[in-house]
């Protein structure tokens, strides 16, 4: 990860990519509380995605589905496709694939998360895009 991103954000991304979704939430909550506008909405969406994954992994289907809906509602309100290095649309697609079995299942108790479908936070480098 590049040092152009704030240290707390880099740490939150590292935690997310290591699968420590609860601690990701804790780290992002601190950042979220210090921001406003769309930046605040972005952090809240990623924070909720992390908690949704935490619930999914721990078998709290209702909590997972609720937070998945909440994060998507927030991320859909953003006016940008990339922020803080994150390719937002790619992340949404990966989260959709990850949650698809849970969303589709009539008996949620039979669903086991496919750990290969859990997204990582991919970074987009604006300098390389142009």
N, C-alpha and C. Protein backbone atom coordinates (compact mmCIF):
# COMPACT_ATOMS: atom_id res chain seq x y z
N UNK A 1 0.84 -1.18 0.00
CA UNK A 1 0.00 0.00 0.00
C UNK A 1 0.89 1.24 0.00
N UNK A 2 0.43 2.24 -0.65
CA UNK A 2 1.21 3.46 -0.75
C UNK A 2 1.07 4.32 0.50
N UNK A 3 2.12 5.04 0.81
CA UNK A 3 2.11 5.89 2.00
C UNK A 3 1.27 7.15 1.81
N UNK A 4 0.70 7.36 0.62
CA UNK A 4 -0.13 8.54 0.41
C UNK A 4 -1.48 8.42 1.12
N UNK A 5 -1.81 7.24 1.59
CA UNK A 5 -3.04 7.04 2.35
C UNK A 5 -2.77 7.22 3.83
N UNK A 6 -3.73 7.79 4.57
CA UNK A 6 -3.53 7.98 6.00
C UNK A 6 -3.22 6.64 6.70
N UNK A 7 -2.37 6.71 7.68
CA UNK A 7 -1.92 5.51 8.38
C UNK A 7 -3.07 4.70 8.97
N UNK A 8 -4.04 5.38 9.56
CA UNK A 8 -5.18 4.65 10.15
C UNK A 8 -5.97 3.91 9.09
N UNK A 9 -6.11 4.52 7.92
CA UNK A 9 -6.83 3.87 6.82
C UNK A 9 -6.03 2.66 6.33
N UNK A 10 -4.73 2.81 6.17
CA UNK A 10 -3.90 1.69 5.76
C UNK A 10 -4.03 0.53 6.74
N UNK A 11 -4.05 0.86 8.01
CA UNK A 11 -4.20 -0.19 9.03
C UNK A 11 -5.57 -0.86 8.92
N UNK A 12 -6.61 -0.10 8.70
CA UNK A 12 -7.96 -0.67 8.56
C UNK A 12 -8.02 -1.59 7.34
N UNK A 13 -7.41 -1.20 6.24
CA UNK A 13 -7.39 -2.03 5.04
C UNK A 13 -6.61 -3.32 5.31
N UNK A 14 -5.51 -3.20 5.99
CA UNK A 14 -4.73 -4.39 6.34
C UNK A 14 -5.57 -5.35 7.18
N UNK A 15 -6.25 -4.83 8.18
CA UNK A 15 -7.11 -5.66 9.03
C UNK A 15 -8.22 -6.32 8.20
N UNK A 16 -8.84 -5.55 7.32
CA UNK A 16 -9.89 -6.09 6.46
C UNK A 16 -9.35 -7.24 5.62
N UNK A 17 -8.23 -7.01 4.97
CA UNK A 17 -7.66 -8.01 4.07
C UNK A 17 -7.13 -9.24 4.82
N UNK A 18 -6.89 -9.10 6.10
CA UNK A 18 -6.49 -10.25 6.93
C UNK A 18 -7.71 -10.96 7.51
N UNK A 19 -8.90 -10.43 7.27
CA UNK A 19 -10.12 -11.06 7.77
C UNK A 19 -10.50 -10.69 9.19
N UNK A 20 -9.88 -9.65 9.73
CA UNK A 20 -10.22 -9.20 11.08
C UNK A 20 -11.25 -8.08 10.97
N UNK A 21 -12.49 -8.48 10.67
CA UNK A 21 -13.53 -7.52 10.33
C UNK A 21 -14.00 -6.71 11.52
N UNK A 22 -14.01 -7.30 12.71
CA UNK A 22 -14.42 -6.53 13.88
C UNK A 22 -13.43 -5.40 14.15
N UNK A 23 -12.13 -5.71 14.09
CA UNK A 23 -11.12 -4.67 14.33
C UNK A 23 -11.09 -3.65 13.20
N UNK A 24 -11.43 -4.07 11.99
CA UNK A 24 -11.57 -3.13 10.88
C UNK A 24 -12.63 -2.10 11.24
N UNK A 25 -13.74 -2.60 11.76
CA UNK A 25 -14.84 -1.73 12.18
C UNK A 25 -14.35 -0.72 13.22
N UNK A 26 -13.61 -1.21 14.20
CA UNK A 26 -13.12 -0.31 15.26
C UNK A 26 -12.22 0.79 14.68
N UNK A 27 -11.32 0.41 13.80
CA UNK A 27 -10.40 1.38 13.20
C UNK A 27 -11.14 2.39 12.32
N UNK A 28 -12.05 1.89 11.50
CA UNK A 28 -12.80 2.79 10.60
C UNK A 28 -13.76 3.68 11.37
N UNK A 29 -14.27 3.21 12.47
CA UNK A 29 -15.19 4.04 13.26
C UNK A 29 -14.49 5.31 13.73
N UNK A 30 -13.23 5.18 14.14
CA UNK A 30 -12.47 6.36 14.55
C UNK A 30 -12.30 7.35 13.40
N UNK A 31 -12.01 6.82 12.22
CA UNK A 31 -11.84 7.69 11.04
C UNK A 31 -13.18 8.31 10.67
N UNK A 32 -14.22 7.50 10.65
CA UNK A 32 -15.56 7.94 10.28
C UNK A 32 -16.02 9.10 11.16
N UNK A 33 -15.74 9.02 12.44
CA UNK A 33 -16.15 10.07 13.37
C UNK A 33 -15.44 11.40 13.11
N UNK A 34 -14.31 11.35 12.42
CA UNK A 34 -13.52 12.56 12.15
C UNK A 34 -13.76 13.16 10.77
N UNK A 35 -14.75 12.64 10.03
CA UNK A 35 -14.97 13.10 8.66
C UNK A 35 -16.38 13.62 8.47
N UNK A 36 -16.63 14.15 7.28
CA UNK A 36 -17.97 14.63 6.96
C UNK A 36 -18.26 14.39 5.47
N UNK A 37 -19.48 14.63 5.08
CA UNK A 37 -19.88 14.54 3.68
C UNK A 37 -19.74 13.14 3.11
N UNK A 38 -19.38 13.09 1.82
CA UNK A 38 -19.26 11.80 1.15
C UNK A 38 -18.12 10.96 1.72
N UNK A 39 -17.07 11.60 2.19
CA UNK A 39 -15.98 10.86 2.81
C UNK A 39 -16.50 10.08 4.02
N UNK A 40 -17.32 10.72 4.81
CA UNK A 40 -17.92 10.06 5.98
C UNK A 40 -18.81 8.90 5.54
N UNK A 41 -19.59 9.11 4.50
CA UNK A 41 -20.47 8.07 3.97
C UNK A 41 -19.66 6.88 3.47
N UNK A 42 -18.55 7.14 2.81
CA UNK A 42 -17.66 6.09 2.33
C UNK A 42 -17.17 5.23 3.50
N UNK A 43 -16.63 5.88 4.51
CA UNK A 43 -16.09 5.13 5.66
C UNK A 43 -17.19 4.34 6.36
N UNK A 44 -18.36 4.93 6.49
CA UNK A 44 -19.47 4.22 7.13
C UNK A 44 -19.87 2.99 6.31
N UNK A 45 -19.89 3.12 4.99
CA UNK A 45 -20.24 1.98 4.13
C UNK A 45 -19.24 0.85 4.28
N UNK A 46 -17.95 1.16 4.24
CA UNK A 46 -16.92 0.12 4.36
C UNK A 46 -16.96 -0.49 5.76
N UNK A 47 -17.18 0.33 6.75
CA UNK A 47 -17.32 -0.14 8.13
C UNK A 47 -18.48 -1.14 8.23
N UNK A 48 -19.61 -0.81 7.62
CA UNK A 48 -20.77 -1.71 7.67
C UNK A 48 -20.53 -2.98 6.86
N UNK A 49 -19.81 -2.88 5.75
CA UNK A 49 -19.46 -4.07 4.99
C UNK A 49 -18.61 -5.01 5.84
N UNK A 50 -17.67 -4.45 6.57
CA UNK A 50 -16.80 -5.26 7.44
C UNK A 50 -17.61 -5.96 8.53
N UNK A 51 -18.52 -5.25 9.16
CA UNK A 51 -19.34 -5.86 10.21
C UNK A 51 -20.28 -6.90 9.62
N UNK A 52 -20.79 -6.64 8.42
CA UNK A 52 -21.62 -7.63 7.74
C UNK A 52 -20.86 -8.92 7.52
N UNK A 53 -19.60 -8.82 7.09
CA UNK A 53 -18.77 -10.01 6.91
C UNK A 53 -18.50 -10.70 8.24
N UNK A 54 -18.28 -9.92 9.27
CA UNK A 54 -18.07 -10.49 10.62
C UNK A 54 -19.30 -11.32 11.02
N UNK A 55 -20.48 -10.77 10.82
CA UNK A 55 -21.70 -11.51 11.17
C UNK A 55 -21.88 -12.75 10.29
N UNK A 56 -21.60 -12.61 9.01
CA UNK A 56 -21.74 -13.73 8.07
C UNK A 56 -20.85 -14.90 8.52
N UNK A 57 -19.60 -14.61 8.79
CA UNK A 57 -18.65 -15.64 9.20
C UNK A 57 -19.08 -16.30 10.51
N UNK A 58 -19.69 -15.53 11.39
CA UNK A 58 -20.08 -16.04 12.71
C UNK A 58 -21.51 -16.57 12.77
N UNK A 59 -22.16 -16.67 11.61
CA UNK A 59 -23.48 -17.29 11.56
C UNK A 59 -24.64 -16.43 11.99
N UNK A 60 -24.43 -15.13 12.10
CA UNK A 60 -25.53 -14.21 12.42
C UNK A 60 -26.11 -13.73 11.09
N UNK A 61 -26.96 -14.57 10.49
CA UNK A 61 -27.47 -14.31 9.15
C UNK A 61 -28.27 -13.02 9.08
N UNK A 62 -29.11 -12.80 10.07
CA UNK A 62 -29.94 -11.59 10.05
C UNK A 62 -29.06 -10.34 10.11
N UNK A 63 -28.09 -10.34 10.99
CA UNK A 63 -27.17 -9.20 11.09
C UNK A 63 -26.37 -9.01 9.82
N UNK A 64 -25.92 -10.12 9.22
CA UNK A 64 -25.14 -10.05 7.99
C UNK A 64 -25.95 -9.44 6.86
N UNK A 65 -27.18 -9.92 6.70
CA UNK A 65 -28.02 -9.41 5.62
C UNK A 65 -28.41 -7.96 5.83
N UNK A 66 -28.69 -7.59 7.07
CA UNK A 66 -29.05 -6.22 7.38
C UNK A 66 -27.90 -5.26 7.07
N UNK A 67 -26.71 -5.61 7.51
CA UNK A 67 -25.56 -4.74 7.26
C UNK A 67 -25.16 -4.73 5.79
N UNK A 68 -25.38 -5.85 5.10
CA UNK A 68 -25.10 -5.87 3.67
C UNK A 68 -26.03 -4.88 2.95
N UNK A 69 -27.30 -4.87 3.32
CA UNK A 69 -28.23 -3.89 2.72
C UNK A 69 -27.83 -2.46 3.09
N UNK A 70 -27.46 -2.24 4.35
CA UNK A 70 -27.11 -0.90 4.80
C UNK A 70 -25.87 -0.36 4.10
N UNK A 71 -24.83 -1.20 3.99
CA UNK A 71 -23.61 -0.73 3.33
C UNK A 71 -23.90 -0.39 1.87
N UNK A 72 -24.70 -1.25 1.20
CA UNK A 72 -25.00 -1.00 -0.21
C UNK A 72 -25.80 0.29 -0.40
N UNK A 73 -26.73 0.55 0.49
CA UNK A 73 -27.52 1.79 0.39
C UNK A 73 -26.61 3.01 0.51
N UNK A 74 -25.61 2.93 1.35
CA UNK A 74 -24.69 4.06 1.52
C UNK A 74 -23.73 4.18 0.33
N UNK A 75 -23.17 3.07 -0.06
CA UNK A 75 -22.17 3.12 -1.14
C UNK A 75 -22.81 3.55 -2.46
N UNK A 76 -24.08 3.21 -2.64
CA UNK A 76 -24.80 3.62 -3.85
C UNK A 76 -25.03 5.13 -3.91
N UNK A 77 -24.95 5.81 -2.78
CA UNK A 77 -25.15 7.26 -2.74
C UNK A 77 -23.88 8.04 -3.08
N UNK A 78 -22.74 7.34 -3.17
CA UNK A 78 -21.49 8.04 -3.48
C UNK A 78 -21.47 8.49 -4.93
N UNK A 79 -20.86 9.62 -5.18
CA UNK A 79 -20.82 10.18 -6.53
C UNK A 79 -19.54 9.77 -7.27
N UNK A 80 -18.71 8.95 -6.65
CA UNK A 80 -17.45 8.56 -7.27
C UNK A 80 -17.33 7.04 -7.31
N UNK A 81 -16.50 6.55 -8.25
CA UNK A 81 -16.27 5.11 -8.40
C UNK A 81 -14.98 4.65 -7.74
N UNK A 82 -14.11 5.58 -7.42
CA UNK A 82 -12.84 5.28 -6.75
C UNK A 82 -12.64 6.27 -5.63
N UNK A 83 -12.18 5.76 -4.51
CA UNK A 83 -11.89 6.65 -3.38
C UNK A 83 -10.89 5.98 -2.47
N UNK A 84 -9.92 6.73 -2.01
CA UNK A 84 -8.89 6.22 -1.11
C UNK A 84 -8.28 4.93 -1.67
N UNK A 85 -8.14 4.90 -2.99
CA UNK A 85 -7.53 3.76 -3.64
C UNK A 85 -8.45 2.60 -3.90
N UNK A 86 -9.67 2.65 -3.40
CA UNK A 86 -10.59 1.53 -3.56
C UNK A 86 -11.40 1.68 -4.84
N UNK A 87 -11.41 0.63 -5.63
CA UNK A 87 -12.29 0.55 -6.79
C UNK A 87 -13.65 0.11 -6.23
N UNK A 88 -14.52 1.06 -6.03
CA UNK A 88 -15.77 0.83 -5.32
C UNK A 88 -16.67 -0.15 -6.07
N UNK A 89 -16.80 0.01 -7.36
CA UNK A 89 -17.69 -0.89 -8.12
C UNK A 89 -17.19 -2.33 -8.09
N UNK A 90 -15.89 -2.53 -8.18
CA UNK A 90 -15.33 -3.88 -8.08
C UNK A 90 -15.61 -4.47 -6.70
N UNK A 91 -15.45 -3.66 -5.67
CA UNK A 91 -15.71 -4.11 -4.31
C UNK A 91 -17.17 -4.54 -4.16
N UNK A 92 -18.09 -3.74 -4.69
CA UNK A 92 -19.52 -4.07 -4.61
C UNK A 92 -19.80 -5.39 -5.33
N UNK A 93 -19.21 -5.57 -6.51
CA UNK A 93 -19.40 -6.83 -7.24
C UNK A 93 -18.90 -8.02 -6.43
N UNK A 94 -17.75 -7.87 -5.79
CA UNK A 94 -17.20 -8.96 -4.98
C UNK A 94 -18.06 -9.24 -3.76
N UNK A 95 -18.55 -8.20 -3.13
CA UNK A 95 -19.44 -8.39 -1.98
C UNK A 95 -20.73 -9.08 -2.42
N UNK A 96 -21.27 -8.69 -3.56
CA UNK A 96 -22.49 -9.32 -4.08
C UNK A 96 -22.27 -10.81 -4.30
N UNK A 97 -21.14 -11.18 -4.90
CA UNK A 97 -20.84 -12.61 -5.11
C UNK A 97 -20.71 -13.34 -3.79
N UNK A 98 -20.07 -12.71 -2.84
CA UNK A 98 -19.87 -13.32 -1.53
C UNK A 98 -21.19 -13.57 -0.82
N UNK A 99 -22.09 -12.60 -0.87
CA UNK A 99 -23.36 -12.68 -0.15
C UNK A 99 -24.46 -13.40 -0.93
N UNK A 100 -24.25 -13.66 -2.21
CA UNK A 100 -25.30 -14.27 -3.05
C UNK A 100 -25.86 -15.56 -2.47
N UNK A 101 -25.05 -16.50 -1.98
CA UNK A 101 -25.63 -17.73 -1.42
C UNK A 101 -26.52 -17.47 -0.21
N UNK A 102 -26.14 -16.52 0.62
CA UNK A 102 -26.94 -16.20 1.81
C UNK A 102 -28.23 -15.52 1.41
N UNK A 103 -28.16 -14.60 0.48
CA UNK A 103 -29.36 -13.89 0.01
C UNK A 103 -30.34 -14.87 -0.61
N UNK A 104 -29.84 -15.82 -1.38
CA UNK A 104 -30.70 -16.74 -2.13
C UNK A 104 -31.26 -17.89 -1.28
N UNK A 105 -30.61 -18.23 -0.20
CA UNK A 105 -31.00 -19.41 0.58
C UNK A 105 -32.32 -19.19 1.31
N UNK A 106 -33.21 -20.18 1.19
CA UNK A 106 -34.44 -20.13 1.98
C UNK A 106 -34.13 -20.47 3.43
N UNK A 107 -33.30 -21.48 3.64
CA UNK A 107 -32.89 -21.89 4.98
C UNK A 107 -31.48 -21.36 5.21
N UNK A 108 -31.40 -20.20 5.84
CA UNK A 108 -30.12 -19.53 6.04
C UNK A 108 -29.15 -20.36 6.88
N UNK A 109 -29.69 -21.22 7.75
CA UNK A 109 -28.83 -22.00 8.63
C UNK A 109 -27.98 -23.02 7.88
N UNK A 110 -28.32 -23.29 6.62
CA UNK A 110 -27.55 -24.25 5.83
C UNK A 110 -26.41 -23.60 5.05
N UNK A 111 -26.34 -22.28 5.08
CA UNK A 111 -25.34 -21.56 4.29
C UNK A 111 -24.02 -21.48 5.05
N UNK A 112 -22.97 -21.83 4.34
CA UNK A 112 -21.62 -21.64 4.85
C UNK A 112 -20.92 -20.68 3.92
N UNK A 113 -20.24 -19.72 4.48
CA UNK A 113 -19.56 -18.72 3.66
C UNK A 113 -18.41 -19.39 2.90
N UNK A 114 -18.30 -19.06 1.63
CA UNK A 114 -17.19 -19.52 0.81
C UNK A 114 -16.06 -18.50 1.01
N UNK A 115 -15.05 -18.89 1.75
CA UNK A 115 -13.99 -17.95 2.10
C UNK A 115 -13.23 -17.45 0.87
N UNK A 116 -13.31 -18.20 -0.23
CA UNK A 116 -12.65 -17.74 -1.46
C UNK A 116 -13.39 -16.56 -2.09
N UNK A 117 -14.65 -16.37 -1.71
CA UNK A 117 -15.44 -15.27 -2.26
C UNK A 117 -15.39 -14.00 -1.41
N UNK A 118 -14.79 -14.09 -0.24
CA UNK A 118 -14.69 -12.90 0.62
C UNK A 118 -13.76 -11.90 -0.06
N UNK A 119 -14.25 -10.69 -0.30
CA UNK A 119 -13.42 -9.72 -1.02
C UNK A 119 -12.26 -9.20 -0.20
N UNK A 120 -11.25 -8.80 -0.90
CA UNK A 120 -10.15 -8.02 -0.34
C UNK A 120 -10.41 -6.60 -0.82
N UNK A 121 -9.78 -5.65 -0.19
CA UNK A 121 -9.93 -4.28 -0.66
C UNK A 121 -8.86 -4.04 -1.72
N UNK A 122 -9.30 -4.03 -2.99
CA UNK A 122 -8.33 -3.79 -4.08
C UNK A 122 -8.08 -2.31 -4.24
N UNK A 123 -6.86 -1.94 -4.45
CA UNK A 123 -6.55 -0.53 -4.61
C UNK A 123 -6.41 -0.15 -6.07
N UNK A 124 -6.90 1.03 -6.36
CA UNK A 124 -6.86 1.63 -7.68
C UNK A 124 -5.85 2.76 -7.60
N UNK A 125 -4.88 2.75 -8.48
CA UNK A 125 -3.87 3.80 -8.49
C UNK A 125 -4.18 4.76 -9.64
N UNK A 126 -4.64 5.93 -9.30
CA UNK A 126 -5.04 6.91 -10.32
C UNK A 126 -3.88 7.25 -11.26
N UNK A 127 -2.66 7.20 -10.76
CA UNK A 127 -1.51 7.52 -11.59
C UNK A 127 -1.31 6.48 -12.69
N UNK A 128 -1.76 5.24 -12.46
CA UNK A 128 -1.59 4.18 -13.44
C UNK A 128 -2.75 4.12 -14.43
N UNK A 129 -3.83 4.84 -14.16
CA UNK A 129 -5.03 4.72 -14.99
C UNK A 129 -4.98 5.57 -16.26
N UNK A 130 -4.12 6.55 -16.26
CA UNK A 130 -4.23 7.51 -17.31
C UNK A 130 -3.33 7.37 -18.43
